[in-house]
Amino acid sequence: MLRPASRAVMLLIAFSVISCDQTYTPKPKGYNRFDLPAHAYVSLPDTFPYSFEYSKHARVLKDTSWISDRYWIEIYYPDFKADVHVTYKVVHNQDSLKGYLEDAYFLTAKHQVKALAIDESIARTPSGKTVVYAELTGEVPSQFQFFTTDSTFNFLRGALYFNTAVQNDSLKPAIDFVKVDIVHMMNTLQWNSKNAPKP
């Protein structure tokens, strides 16, 4: 009869023999899985000087940053940990418009250090508004930015951010999903003069 210590040694030898018969194959690096829902939209509350349709899979939150203004919001996607920061400013005169445009281009250009490319495009919405889009590739904190203005009173800018350490190539399905929503937001954008602040 084997002693307990001898049994333990025999079991150890048996396990090592069994494990030696199997070859280990390292698994390739995987990507995050995103279960993407169908695109569906709801209207922004009519308490803003602008309105648009945003994803029903997102929530509208007040921008709580220290520089935030009254009509700045975040379109937050809890499933992706993504935010579309939307800022709104009143155009007081051509000098203020010039400053807003310079800021918009500067905020995009700040990402040049990490961006592999910044592709800008200009689109016309169904209601005739011009929107400038900037798509950024590489390990940048903001992957998609946009702005639009009527040049006389309203200026609206937005930027997409993900609150995660996951690399952007892994986030691509979620980035593409939110980009479709942003384009829809801009295609449904209207200015609400009754809620607009005084210039």
N, C-alpha and C. Protein backbone atom coordinates (compact mmCIF):
# COMPACT_ATOMS: atom_id res chain seq x y z
N MET A 1 0.85 -1.18 0.00
CA MET A 1 0.00 0.00 0.00
C MET A 1 0.89 1.24 0.00
N LEU A 2 0.51 2.23 -0.88
CA LEU A 2 1.31 3.44 -1.02
C LEU A 2 0.99 4.42 0.10
N ARG A 3 2.04 5.06 0.59
CA ARG A 3 1.85 6.12 1.57
C ARG A 3 1.27 7.34 0.88
N PRO A 4 0.62 8.28 1.65
CA PRO A 4 0.06 9.50 1.04
C PRO A 4 1.10 10.29 0.28
N ALA A 5 2.32 10.38 0.79
CA ALA A 5 3.38 11.13 0.11
C ALA A 5 3.72 10.46 -1.22
N SER A 6 3.75 9.12 -1.24
CA SER A 6 4.05 8.39 -2.47
C SER A 6 2.94 8.59 -3.50
N ARG A 7 1.70 8.60 -3.01
CA ARG A 7 0.56 8.83 -3.92
C ARG A 7 0.67 10.21 -4.58
N ALA A 8 1.05 11.19 -3.80
CA ALA A 8 1.17 12.56 -4.32
C ALA A 8 2.24 12.63 -5.39
N VAL A 9 3.37 11.90 -5.16
CA VAL A 9 4.45 11.88 -6.15
C VAL A 9 3.98 11.21 -7.43
N MET A 10 3.25 10.10 -7.29
CA MET A 10 2.74 9.37 -8.47
C MET A 10 1.76 10.24 -9.27
N LEU A 11 0.89 10.97 -8.56
CA LEU A 11 -0.06 11.85 -9.24
C LEU A 11 0.68 12.97 -9.99
N LEU A 12 1.68 13.51 -9.34
CA LEU A 12 2.47 14.58 -9.97
C LEU A 12 3.14 14.07 -11.24
N ILE A 13 3.71 12.87 -11.19
CA ILE A 13 4.36 12.29 -12.38
C ILE A 13 3.32 12.04 -13.47
N ALA A 14 2.16 11.54 -13.09
CA ALA A 14 1.10 11.26 -14.07
C ALA A 14 0.65 12.56 -14.76
N PHE A 15 0.45 13.62 -13.98
CA PHE A 15 0.04 14.90 -14.57
C PHE A 15 1.10 15.47 -15.50
N SER A 16 2.36 15.31 -15.11
CA SER A 16 3.43 15.86 -15.95
C SER A 16 3.55 15.08 -17.25
N VAL A 17 3.32 13.76 -17.21
CA VAL A 17 3.38 12.94 -18.43
C VAL A 17 2.23 13.32 -19.36
N ILE A 18 1.03 13.50 -18.78
CA ILE A 18 -0.13 13.86 -19.60
C ILE A 18 0.07 15.24 -20.22
N SER A 19 0.57 16.18 -19.41
CA SER A 19 0.74 17.54 -19.93
C SER A 19 1.83 17.61 -20.99
N CYS A 20 2.81 16.71 -20.94
CA CYS A 20 3.89 16.72 -21.93
C CYS A 20 3.40 16.26 -23.29
N ASP A 21 2.30 15.50 -23.33
CA ASP A 21 1.79 15.01 -24.61
C ASP A 21 1.09 16.11 -25.42
N GLN A 22 0.68 17.17 -24.76
CA GLN A 22 -0.05 18.22 -25.45
C GLN A 22 0.91 19.34 -25.84
N THR A 23 0.73 19.85 -27.04
CA THR A 23 1.55 20.98 -27.47
C THR A 23 0.76 22.27 -27.24
N TYR A 24 1.44 23.28 -26.78
CA TYR A 24 0.80 24.57 -26.49
C TYR A 24 0.90 25.46 -27.71
N THR A 25 -0.23 26.01 -28.11
CA THR A 25 -0.28 26.95 -29.22
C THR A 25 -0.80 28.28 -28.70
N PRO A 26 0.04 29.31 -28.76
CA PRO A 26 -0.44 30.62 -28.26
C PRO A 26 -1.60 31.13 -29.12
N LYS A 27 -2.56 31.75 -28.46
CA LYS A 27 -3.72 32.29 -29.18
C LYS A 27 -3.35 33.67 -29.74
N PRO A 28 -3.88 33.99 -30.93
CA PRO A 28 -3.61 35.32 -31.47
C PRO A 28 -4.33 36.38 -30.64
N LYS A 29 -3.80 37.62 -30.71
CA LYS A 29 -4.44 38.71 -29.99
C LYS A 29 -5.84 38.92 -30.55
N GLY A 30 -6.79 39.11 -29.66
CA GLY A 30 -8.17 39.31 -30.08
C GLY A 30 -8.56 40.77 -29.99
N TYR A 31 -9.72 41.07 -30.52
CA TYR A 31 -10.28 42.40 -30.47
C TYR A 31 -11.52 42.41 -29.59
N ASN A 32 -11.82 43.57 -29.04
CA ASN A 32 -13.04 43.70 -28.26
C ASN A 32 -14.23 43.38 -29.14
N ARG A 33 -15.20 42.71 -28.54
CA ARG A 33 -16.41 42.41 -29.30
C ARG A 33 -17.46 43.47 -29.00
N PHE A 34 -18.02 44.03 -30.06
CA PHE A 34 -19.10 45.00 -29.91
C PHE A 34 -20.36 44.41 -30.54
N ASP A 35 -21.40 44.31 -29.74
CA ASP A 35 -22.69 43.92 -30.28
C ASP A 35 -23.40 45.21 -30.68
N LEU A 36 -23.35 45.50 -31.96
CA LEU A 36 -23.86 46.78 -32.44
C LEU A 36 -25.36 46.68 -32.69
N PRO A 37 -26.13 47.57 -32.08
CA PRO A 37 -27.58 47.56 -32.31
C PRO A 37 -27.92 48.24 -33.64
N ALA A 38 -29.17 48.15 -34.02
CA ALA A 38 -29.62 48.86 -35.22
C ALA A 38 -29.67 50.36 -34.91
N HIS A 39 -29.36 51.18 -35.89
CA HIS A 39 -29.43 52.63 -35.70
C HIS A 39 -30.89 53.05 -35.53
N ALA A 40 -31.14 53.81 -34.50
CA ALA A 40 -32.48 54.35 -34.24
C ALA A 40 -32.30 55.67 -33.52
N TYR A 41 -33.23 56.61 -33.72
CA TYR A 41 -33.00 57.97 -33.25
C TYR A 41 -34.20 58.56 -32.52
N VAL A 42 -33.89 59.50 -31.64
CA VAL A 42 -34.89 60.28 -30.92
C VAL A 42 -34.50 61.76 -31.04
N SER A 43 -35.47 62.63 -30.79
CA SER A 43 -35.22 64.07 -30.93
C SER A 43 -34.67 64.67 -29.65
N LEU A 44 -33.76 65.59 -29.81
CA LEU A 44 -33.22 66.35 -28.69
C LEU A 44 -34.35 67.19 -28.08
N PRO A 45 -34.39 67.36 -26.75
CA PRO A 45 -35.42 68.24 -26.16
C PRO A 45 -35.37 69.63 -26.78
N ASP A 46 -36.51 70.29 -26.85
CA ASP A 46 -36.57 71.58 -27.55
C ASP A 46 -36.22 72.77 -26.65
N THR A 47 -35.34 72.54 -25.70
CA THR A 47 -34.91 73.62 -24.79
C THR A 47 -33.56 74.22 -25.21
N PHE A 48 -33.05 73.80 -26.34
CA PHE A 48 -31.75 74.26 -26.82
C PHE A 48 -31.93 75.20 -28.01
N PRO A 49 -30.91 76.00 -28.32
CA PRO A 49 -30.99 76.84 -29.51
C PRO A 49 -30.70 76.06 -30.80
N TYR A 50 -30.58 74.77 -30.68
CA TYR A 50 -30.39 73.87 -31.83
C TYR A 50 -31.17 72.59 -31.54
N SER A 51 -31.48 71.86 -32.58
CA SER A 51 -32.14 70.57 -32.39
C SER A 51 -31.59 69.59 -33.41
N PHE A 52 -31.59 68.33 -33.06
CA PHE A 52 -31.21 67.27 -33.99
C PHE A 52 -31.70 65.95 -33.42
N GLU A 53 -31.61 64.92 -34.23
CA GLU A 53 -31.94 63.57 -33.77
C GLU A 53 -30.64 62.87 -33.38
N TYR A 54 -30.65 62.25 -32.21
CA TYR A 54 -29.46 61.52 -31.74
C TYR A 54 -29.85 60.07 -31.47
N SER A 55 -28.86 59.24 -31.28
CA SER A 55 -29.09 57.80 -31.12
C SER A 55 -29.91 57.50 -29.88
N LYS A 56 -30.87 56.61 -30.01
CA LYS A 56 -31.66 56.22 -28.85
C LYS A 56 -30.85 55.31 -27.91
N HIS A 57 -29.66 54.91 -28.35
CA HIS A 57 -28.77 54.10 -27.52
C HIS A 57 -27.82 54.98 -26.70
N ALA A 58 -28.01 56.28 -26.80
CA ALA A 58 -27.17 57.24 -26.07
C ALA A 58 -28.03 58.07 -25.13
N ARG A 59 -27.35 58.76 -24.21
CA ARG A 59 -28.05 59.65 -23.27
C ARG A 59 -27.48 61.05 -23.42
N VAL A 60 -28.34 62.05 -23.26
CA VAL A 60 -27.90 63.44 -23.31
C VAL A 60 -27.55 63.86 -21.88
N LEU A 61 -26.31 64.29 -21.69
CA LEU A 61 -25.84 64.74 -20.38
C LEU A 61 -25.35 66.18 -20.49
N LYS A 62 -25.44 66.89 -19.40
CA LYS A 62 -24.89 68.26 -19.37
C LYS A 62 -23.37 68.17 -19.31
N ASP A 63 -22.70 69.00 -20.07
CA ASP A 63 -21.24 69.07 -20.01
C ASP A 63 -20.86 69.67 -18.66
N THR A 64 -20.07 68.94 -17.89
CA THR A 64 -19.70 69.39 -16.54
C THR A 64 -18.26 69.87 -16.45
N SER A 65 -17.60 70.06 -17.60
CA SER A 65 -16.23 70.54 -17.56
C SER A 65 -16.20 71.98 -17.03
N TRP A 66 -15.07 72.40 -16.53
CA TRP A 66 -14.97 73.73 -15.91
C TRP A 66 -15.15 74.86 -16.91
N ILE A 67 -14.99 74.58 -18.20
CA ILE A 67 -15.16 75.63 -19.20
C ILE A 67 -16.53 75.56 -19.88
N SER A 68 -17.39 74.68 -19.41
CA SER A 68 -18.66 74.45 -20.11
C SER A 68 -19.54 75.69 -20.10
N ASP A 69 -20.39 75.75 -21.11
CA ASP A 69 -21.35 76.83 -21.25
C ASP A 69 -22.75 76.23 -21.15
N ARG A 70 -23.74 77.10 -21.12
CA ARG A 70 -25.12 76.67 -20.85
C ARG A 70 -25.63 75.59 -21.81
N TYR A 71 -25.31 75.70 -23.08
CA TYR A 71 -25.88 74.79 -24.07
C TYR A 71 -24.88 73.73 -24.56
N TRP A 72 -23.86 73.48 -23.77
CA TRP A 72 -22.91 72.43 -24.10
C TRP A 72 -23.41 71.11 -23.51
N ILE A 73 -23.36 70.07 -24.31
CA ILE A 73 -23.86 68.76 -23.87
C ILE A 73 -22.90 67.65 -24.27
N GLU A 74 -23.16 66.48 -23.71
CA GLU A 74 -22.46 65.27 -24.11
C GLU A 74 -23.51 64.25 -24.54
N ILE A 75 -23.31 63.66 -25.70
CA ILE A 75 -24.12 62.53 -26.14
C ILE A 75 -23.33 61.29 -25.72
N TYR A 76 -23.78 60.64 -24.65
CA TYR A 76 -23.00 59.57 -24.01
C TYR A 76 -23.54 58.19 -24.42
N TYR A 77 -22.64 57.33 -24.89
CA TYR A 77 -22.96 55.95 -25.26
C TYR A 77 -22.44 55.03 -24.16
N PRO A 78 -23.29 54.59 -23.24
CA PRO A 78 -22.79 53.77 -22.12
C PRO A 78 -22.19 52.44 -22.56
N ASP A 79 -22.72 51.82 -23.62
CA ASP A 79 -22.20 50.51 -24.05
C ASP A 79 -20.80 50.61 -24.63
N PHE A 80 -20.45 51.78 -25.18
CA PHE A 80 -19.12 51.96 -25.79
C PHE A 80 -18.19 52.78 -24.92
N LYS A 81 -18.72 53.38 -23.84
CA LYS A 81 -17.96 54.35 -23.05
C LYS A 81 -17.45 55.48 -23.95
N ALA A 82 -18.36 55.96 -24.79
CA ALA A 82 -18.02 57.00 -25.76
C ALA A 82 -18.85 58.25 -25.50
N ASP A 83 -18.26 59.39 -25.81
CA ASP A 83 -18.92 60.69 -25.67
C ASP A 83 -18.77 61.48 -26.96
N VAL A 84 -19.87 62.11 -27.38
CA VAL A 84 -19.77 63.13 -28.40
C VAL A 84 -19.98 64.46 -27.69
N HIS A 85 -18.91 65.23 -27.54
CA HIS A 85 -18.98 66.52 -26.87
C HIS A 85 -19.51 67.55 -27.88
N VAL A 86 -20.60 68.19 -27.54
CA VAL A 86 -21.21 69.18 -28.42
C VAL A 86 -21.14 70.54 -27.75
N THR A 87 -20.52 71.50 -28.43
CA THR A 87 -20.42 72.86 -27.90
C THR A 87 -21.15 73.81 -28.85
N TYR A 88 -21.79 74.81 -28.25
CA TYR A 88 -22.56 75.78 -29.03
C TYR A 88 -22.14 77.18 -28.62
N LYS A 89 -21.99 78.04 -29.61
CA LYS A 89 -21.64 79.43 -29.33
C LYS A 89 -22.44 80.36 -30.23
N VAL A 90 -22.72 81.53 -29.72
CA VAL A 90 -23.41 82.56 -30.50
C VAL A 90 -22.37 83.35 -31.29
N VAL A 91 -22.66 83.57 -32.56
CA VAL A 91 -21.80 84.40 -33.39
C VAL A 91 -22.20 85.85 -33.16
N HIS A 92 -21.35 86.64 -32.52
CA HIS A 92 -21.65 88.04 -32.23
C HIS A 92 -21.34 88.93 -33.43
N ASN A 93 -20.25 88.61 -34.13
CA ASN A 93 -19.82 89.38 -35.29
C ASN A 93 -18.82 88.54 -36.07
N GLN A 94 -18.30 89.08 -37.14
CA GLN A 94 -17.38 88.31 -37.98
C GLN A 94 -16.07 87.99 -37.26
N ASP A 95 -15.66 88.84 -36.33
CA ASP A 95 -14.45 88.56 -35.57
C ASP A 95 -14.65 87.34 -34.66
N SER A 96 -15.83 87.26 -34.01
CA SER A 96 -16.08 86.10 -33.15
C SER A 96 -16.18 84.82 -33.99
N LEU A 97 -16.81 84.91 -35.17
CA LEU A 97 -16.88 83.75 -36.05
C LEU A 97 -15.49 83.30 -36.46
N LYS A 98 -14.64 84.25 -36.81
CA LYS A 98 -13.26 83.91 -37.19
C LYS A 98 -12.54 83.20 -36.04
N GLY A 99 -12.76 83.69 -34.81
CA GLY A 99 -12.14 83.05 -33.65
C GLY A 99 -12.64 81.63 -33.43
N TYR A 100 -13.94 81.40 -33.60
CA TYR A 100 -14.51 80.05 -33.44
C TYR A 100 -13.95 79.08 -34.48
N LEU A 101 -13.84 79.57 -35.71
CA LEU A 101 -13.29 78.72 -36.77
C LEU A 101 -11.83 78.39 -36.50
N GLU A 102 -11.06 79.39 -36.07
CA GLU A 102 -9.65 79.14 -35.75
C GLU A 102 -9.53 78.14 -34.61
N ASP A 103 -10.37 78.27 -33.59
CA ASP A 103 -10.36 77.31 -32.47
C ASP A 103 -10.68 75.90 -32.95
N ALA A 104 -11.69 75.78 -33.82
CA ALA A 104 -12.09 74.46 -34.31
C ALA A 104 -10.94 73.78 -35.05
N TYR A 105 -10.27 74.53 -35.93
CA TYR A 105 -9.15 73.95 -36.67
C TYR A 105 -7.96 73.67 -35.74
N PHE A 106 -7.74 74.54 -34.77
CA PHE A 106 -6.64 74.35 -33.82
C PHE A 106 -6.86 73.09 -32.98
N LEU A 107 -8.10 72.90 -32.48
CA LEU A 107 -8.39 71.73 -31.64
C LEU A 107 -8.22 70.43 -32.41
N THR A 108 -8.51 70.46 -33.69
CA THR A 108 -8.26 69.26 -34.52
C THR A 108 -6.77 69.08 -34.76
N ALA A 109 -6.08 70.17 -35.06
CA ALA A 109 -4.65 70.10 -35.37
C ALA A 109 -3.82 69.66 -34.16
N LYS A 110 -4.32 69.88 -32.94
CA LYS A 110 -3.59 69.44 -31.74
C LYS A 110 -3.30 67.95 -31.75
N HIS A 111 -4.09 67.19 -32.49
CA HIS A 111 -3.92 65.74 -32.53
C HIS A 111 -2.87 65.28 -33.54
N GLN A 112 -2.25 66.23 -34.26
CA GLN A 112 -1.27 65.87 -35.29
C GLN A 112 -0.09 65.09 -34.72
N VAL A 113 0.22 65.31 -33.45
CA VAL A 113 1.37 64.62 -32.84
C VAL A 113 1.18 63.11 -32.89
N LYS A 114 -0.05 62.64 -32.65
CA LYS A 114 -0.31 61.20 -32.62
C LYS A 114 -1.04 60.69 -33.86
N ALA A 115 -1.63 61.58 -34.62
CA ALA A 115 -2.45 61.16 -35.76
C ALA A 115 -1.59 60.67 -36.91
N LEU A 116 -2.00 59.57 -37.51
CA LEU A 116 -1.35 59.12 -38.75
C LEU A 116 -1.85 59.94 -39.92
N ALA A 117 -3.12 60.35 -39.83
CA ALA A 117 -3.71 61.18 -40.88
C ALA A 117 -4.92 61.92 -40.32
N ILE A 118 -5.18 63.10 -40.88
CA ILE A 118 -6.39 63.85 -40.57
C ILE A 118 -7.05 64.16 -41.91
N ASP A 119 -8.17 63.52 -42.16
CA ASP A 119 -8.87 63.70 -43.43
C ASP A 119 -10.08 64.60 -43.21
N GLU A 120 -10.07 65.74 -43.85
CA GLU A 120 -11.19 66.67 -43.74
C GLU A 120 -12.08 66.56 -44.96
N SER A 121 -13.38 66.70 -44.72
CA SER A 121 -14.33 66.71 -45.83
C SER A 121 -15.43 67.71 -45.51
N ILE A 122 -16.04 68.23 -46.54
CA ILE A 122 -17.14 69.19 -46.39
C ILE A 122 -18.39 68.56 -46.98
N ALA A 123 -19.47 68.59 -46.21
CA ALA A 123 -20.73 68.00 -46.67
C ALA A 123 -21.85 69.02 -46.57
N ARG A 124 -22.84 68.83 -47.39
CA ARG A 124 -24.03 69.68 -47.39
C ARG A 124 -25.19 68.85 -46.86
N THR A 125 -25.89 69.35 -45.85
CA THR A 125 -27.01 68.62 -45.27
C THR A 125 -28.26 68.81 -46.12
N PRO A 126 -29.29 67.97 -45.91
CA PRO A 126 -30.53 68.13 -46.69
C PRO A 126 -31.16 69.51 -46.55
N SER A 127 -30.94 70.18 -45.39
CA SER A 127 -31.52 71.51 -45.21
C SER A 127 -30.58 72.63 -45.69
N GLY A 128 -29.46 72.25 -46.32
CA GLY A 128 -28.58 73.24 -46.93
C GLY A 128 -27.45 73.73 -46.04
N LYS A 129 -27.26 73.13 -44.87
CA LYS A 129 -26.17 73.55 -43.98
C LYS A 129 -24.86 72.90 -44.44
N THR A 130 -23.78 73.63 -44.25
CA THR A 130 -22.45 73.10 -44.57
C THR A 130 -21.81 72.59 -43.29
N VAL A 131 -21.32 71.36 -43.32
CA VAL A 131 -20.65 70.75 -42.17
C VAL A 131 -19.25 70.34 -42.57
N VAL A 132 -18.28 70.69 -41.74
CA VAL A 132 -16.89 70.27 -41.95
C VAL A 132 -16.61 69.11 -41.01
N TYR A 133 -16.22 67.97 -41.57
CA TYR A 133 -15.89 66.77 -40.79
C TYR A 133 -14.39 66.54 -40.84
N ALA A 134 -13.83 66.08 -39.73
CA ALA A 134 -12.41 65.69 -39.69
C ALA A 134 -12.33 64.29 -39.11
N GLU A 135 -11.80 63.38 -39.90
CA GLU A 135 -11.62 61.99 -39.45
C GLU A 135 -10.15 61.78 -39.15
N LEU A 136 -9.86 61.34 -37.92
CA LEU A 136 -8.48 61.19 -37.47
C LEU A 136 -8.15 59.72 -37.30
N THR A 137 -7.01 59.30 -37.83
CA THR A 137 -6.57 57.91 -37.68
C THR A 137 -5.28 57.88 -36.87
N GLY A 138 -5.04 56.74 -36.23
CA GLY A 138 -3.90 56.60 -35.33
C GLY A 138 -4.39 56.57 -33.90
N GLU A 139 -3.46 56.52 -32.96
CA GLU A 139 -3.84 56.45 -31.54
C GLU A 139 -4.11 57.85 -30.99
N VAL A 140 -5.19 58.44 -31.45
CA VAL A 140 -5.58 59.79 -31.04
C VAL A 140 -6.74 59.72 -30.05
N PRO A 141 -6.85 60.70 -29.15
CA PRO A 141 -7.96 60.67 -28.19
C PRO A 141 -9.32 60.97 -28.81
N SER A 142 -9.34 61.71 -29.91
CA SER A 142 -10.60 62.01 -30.59
C SER A 142 -10.49 61.54 -32.04
N GLN A 143 -11.42 60.68 -32.44
CA GLN A 143 -11.32 60.05 -33.75
C GLN A 143 -12.16 60.74 -34.83
N PHE A 144 -13.09 61.61 -34.41
CA PHE A 144 -13.99 62.24 -35.38
C PHE A 144 -14.44 63.58 -34.81
N GLN A 145 -14.31 64.64 -35.60
CA GLN A 145 -14.71 65.97 -35.15
C GLN A 145 -15.49 66.66 -36.27
N PHE A 146 -16.28 67.65 -35.89
CA PHE A 146 -17.11 68.32 -36.89
C PHE A 146 -17.51 69.69 -36.38
N PHE A 147 -17.87 70.57 -37.31
CA PHE A 147 -18.47 71.84 -36.92
C PHE A 147 -19.34 72.36 -38.06
N THR A 148 -20.27 73.23 -37.69
CA THR A 148 -21.15 73.88 -38.66
C THR A 148 -21.55 75.24 -38.12
N THR A 149 -21.89 76.14 -39.02
CA THR A 149 -22.31 77.48 -38.63
C THR A 149 -23.20 78.07 -39.72
N ASP A 150 -24.09 78.98 -39.32
CA ASP A 150 -24.85 79.71 -40.32
C ASP A 150 -24.16 81.03 -40.65
N SER A 151 -23.00 81.26 -40.04
CA SER A 151 -22.13 82.43 -40.27
C SER A 151 -22.68 83.75 -39.73
N THR A 152 -23.90 83.74 -39.23
CA THR A 152 -24.49 84.99 -38.75
C THR A 152 -24.86 84.96 -37.27
N PHE A 153 -25.22 83.77 -36.75
CA PHE A 153 -25.67 83.73 -35.36
C PHE A 153 -25.24 82.47 -34.60
N ASN A 154 -25.24 81.31 -35.26
CA ASN A 154 -25.02 80.02 -34.58
C ASN A 154 -23.73 79.35 -35.01
N PHE A 155 -23.04 78.76 -34.03
CA PHE A 155 -21.84 77.96 -34.29
C PHE A 155 -21.90 76.72 -33.41
N LEU A 156 -21.80 75.54 -34.02
CA LEU A 156 -21.87 74.28 -33.28
C LEU A 156 -20.69 73.41 -33.66
N ARG A 157 -20.05 72.87 -32.64
CA ARG A 157 -18.88 72.01 -32.86
C ARG A 157 -19.04 70.74 -32.04
N GLY A 158 -18.48 69.64 -32.52
CA GLY A 158 -18.54 68.39 -31.78
C GLY A 158 -17.28 67.56 -31.97
N ALA A 159 -17.02 66.68 -31.00
CA ALA A 159 -15.86 65.79 -31.07
C ALA A 159 -16.19 64.48 -30.37
N LEU A 160 -15.76 63.40 -30.96
CA LEU A 160 -15.99 62.05 -30.42
C LEU A 160 -14.79 61.62 -29.59
N TYR A 161 -15.07 61.12 -28.38
CA TYR A 161 -14.02 60.59 -27.49
C TYR A 161 -14.47 59.26 -26.91
N PHE A 162 -13.51 58.37 -26.68
CA PHE A 162 -13.77 57.10 -26.00
C PHE A 162 -13.02 57.11 -24.68
N ASN A 163 -13.73 56.83 -23.59
CA ASN A 163 -13.13 56.80 -22.26
C ASN A 163 -12.63 55.38 -21.96
N THR A 164 -11.64 54.96 -22.71
CA THR A 164 -11.10 53.61 -22.56
C THR A 164 -9.66 53.59 -23.04
N ALA A 165 -8.90 52.63 -22.52
CA ALA A 165 -7.50 52.49 -22.92
C ALA A 165 -7.35 51.59 -24.14
N VAL A 166 -8.46 51.08 -24.67
CA VAL A 166 -8.40 50.18 -25.83
C VAL A 166 -7.91 50.95 -27.05
N GLN A 167 -7.08 50.29 -27.85
CA GLN A 167 -6.52 50.95 -29.03
C GLN A 167 -7.60 51.19 -30.09
N ASN A 168 -7.38 52.22 -30.90
CA ASN A 168 -8.40 52.65 -31.85
C ASN A 168 -8.71 51.62 -32.92
N ASP A 169 -7.73 50.77 -33.30
CA ASP A 169 -8.07 49.76 -34.30
C ASP A 169 -9.07 48.75 -33.74
N SER A 170 -9.01 48.49 -32.43
CA SER A 170 -9.98 47.62 -31.80
C SER A 170 -11.33 48.30 -31.66
N LEU A 171 -11.32 49.63 -31.54
CA LEU A 171 -12.55 50.39 -31.38
C LEU A 171 -13.24 50.68 -32.71
N LYS A 172 -12.64 50.32 -33.82
CA LYS A 172 -13.15 50.73 -35.13
C LYS A 172 -14.63 50.45 -35.34
N PRO A 173 -15.15 49.27 -34.98
CA PRO A 173 -16.60 49.06 -35.19
C PRO A 173 -17.46 50.09 -34.43
N ALA A 174 -17.06 50.40 -33.20
CA ALA A 174 -17.82 51.39 -32.42
C ALA A 174 -17.63 52.79 -32.98
N ILE A 175 -16.42 53.12 -33.42
CA ILE A 175 -16.16 54.43 -34.02
C ILE A 175 -17.04 54.61 -35.26
N ASP A 176 -17.06 53.60 -36.12
CA ASP A 176 -17.86 53.69 -37.34
C ASP A 176 -19.35 53.81 -37.02
N PHE A 177 -19.79 53.11 -35.98
CA PHE A 177 -21.20 53.17 -35.58
C PHE A 177 -21.57 54.59 -35.16
N VAL A 178 -20.75 55.20 -34.30
CA VAL A 178 -21.05 56.54 -33.80
C VAL A 178 -20.91 57.57 -34.92
N LYS A 179 -19.98 57.37 -35.85
CA LYS A 179 -19.84 58.30 -36.97
C LYS A 179 -21.14 58.38 -37.78
N VAL A 180 -21.77 57.25 -38.00
CA VAL A 180 -23.06 57.24 -38.72
C VAL A 180 -24.08 58.08 -37.96
N ASP A 181 -24.08 57.93 -36.62
CA ASP A 181 -25.01 58.71 -35.80
C ASP A 181 -24.71 60.21 -35.86
N ILE A 182 -23.42 60.57 -35.88
CA ILE A 182 -23.05 61.99 -35.95
C ILE A 182 -23.51 62.59 -37.27
N VAL A 183 -23.31 61.87 -38.36
CA VAL A 183 -23.76 62.37 -39.66
C VAL A 183 -25.29 62.56 -39.64
N HIS A 184 -25.99 61.62 -39.01
CA HIS A 184 -27.45 61.77 -38.89
C HIS A 184 -27.81 62.99 -38.05
N MET A 185 -27.07 63.20 -36.96
CA MET A 185 -27.30 64.39 -36.14
C MET A 185 -27.19 65.66 -36.98
N MET A 186 -26.15 65.75 -37.79
CA MET A 186 -25.94 66.95 -38.59
C MET A 186 -26.97 67.06 -39.72
N ASN A 187 -27.38 65.92 -40.27
CA ASN A 187 -28.39 65.95 -41.34
C ASN A 187 -29.76 66.38 -40.83
N THR A 188 -29.98 66.24 -39.52
CA THR A 188 -31.28 66.64 -38.94
C THR A 188 -31.17 67.93 -38.12
N LEU A 189 -30.00 68.57 -38.16
CA LEU A 189 -29.79 69.78 -37.36
C LEU A 189 -30.67 70.93 -37.83
N GLN A 190 -31.27 71.61 -36.85
CA GLN A 190 -32.03 72.84 -37.11
C GLN A 190 -31.67 73.85 -36.02
N TRP A 191 -31.68 75.13 -36.37
CA TRP A 191 -31.45 76.18 -35.38
C TRP A 191 -32.80 76.60 -34.78
N ASN A 192 -32.86 76.73 -33.46
CA ASN A 192 -34.08 77.15 -32.77
C ASN A 192 -33.90 78.59 -32.28
N SER A 193 -34.33 79.54 -33.07
CA SER A 193 -34.10 80.94 -32.72
C SER A 193 -34.85 81.35 -31.45
N LYS A 194 -35.98 80.70 -31.14
CA LYS A 194 -36.75 81.09 -29.95
C LYS A 194 -35.98 80.80 -28.66
N ASN A 195 -35.04 79.81 -28.69
CA ASN A 195 -34.25 79.46 -27.51
C ASN A 195 -32.85 80.05 -27.55
N ALA A 196 -32.56 80.78 -28.58
CA ALA A 196 -31.19 81.29 -28.73
C ALA A 196 -30.90 82.38 -27.73
N PRO A 197 -29.72 82.38 -27.13
CA PRO A 197 -29.34 83.46 -26.24
C PRO A 197 -29.13 84.76 -27.00
N LYS A 198 -29.22 85.85 -26.32
CA LYS A 198 -29.03 87.15 -26.96
C LYS A 198 -27.56 87.32 -27.33
N PRO A 199 -27.29 87.84 -28.53
CA PRO A 199 -25.88 88.03 -28.93
C PRO A 199 -25.25 89.17 -28.15
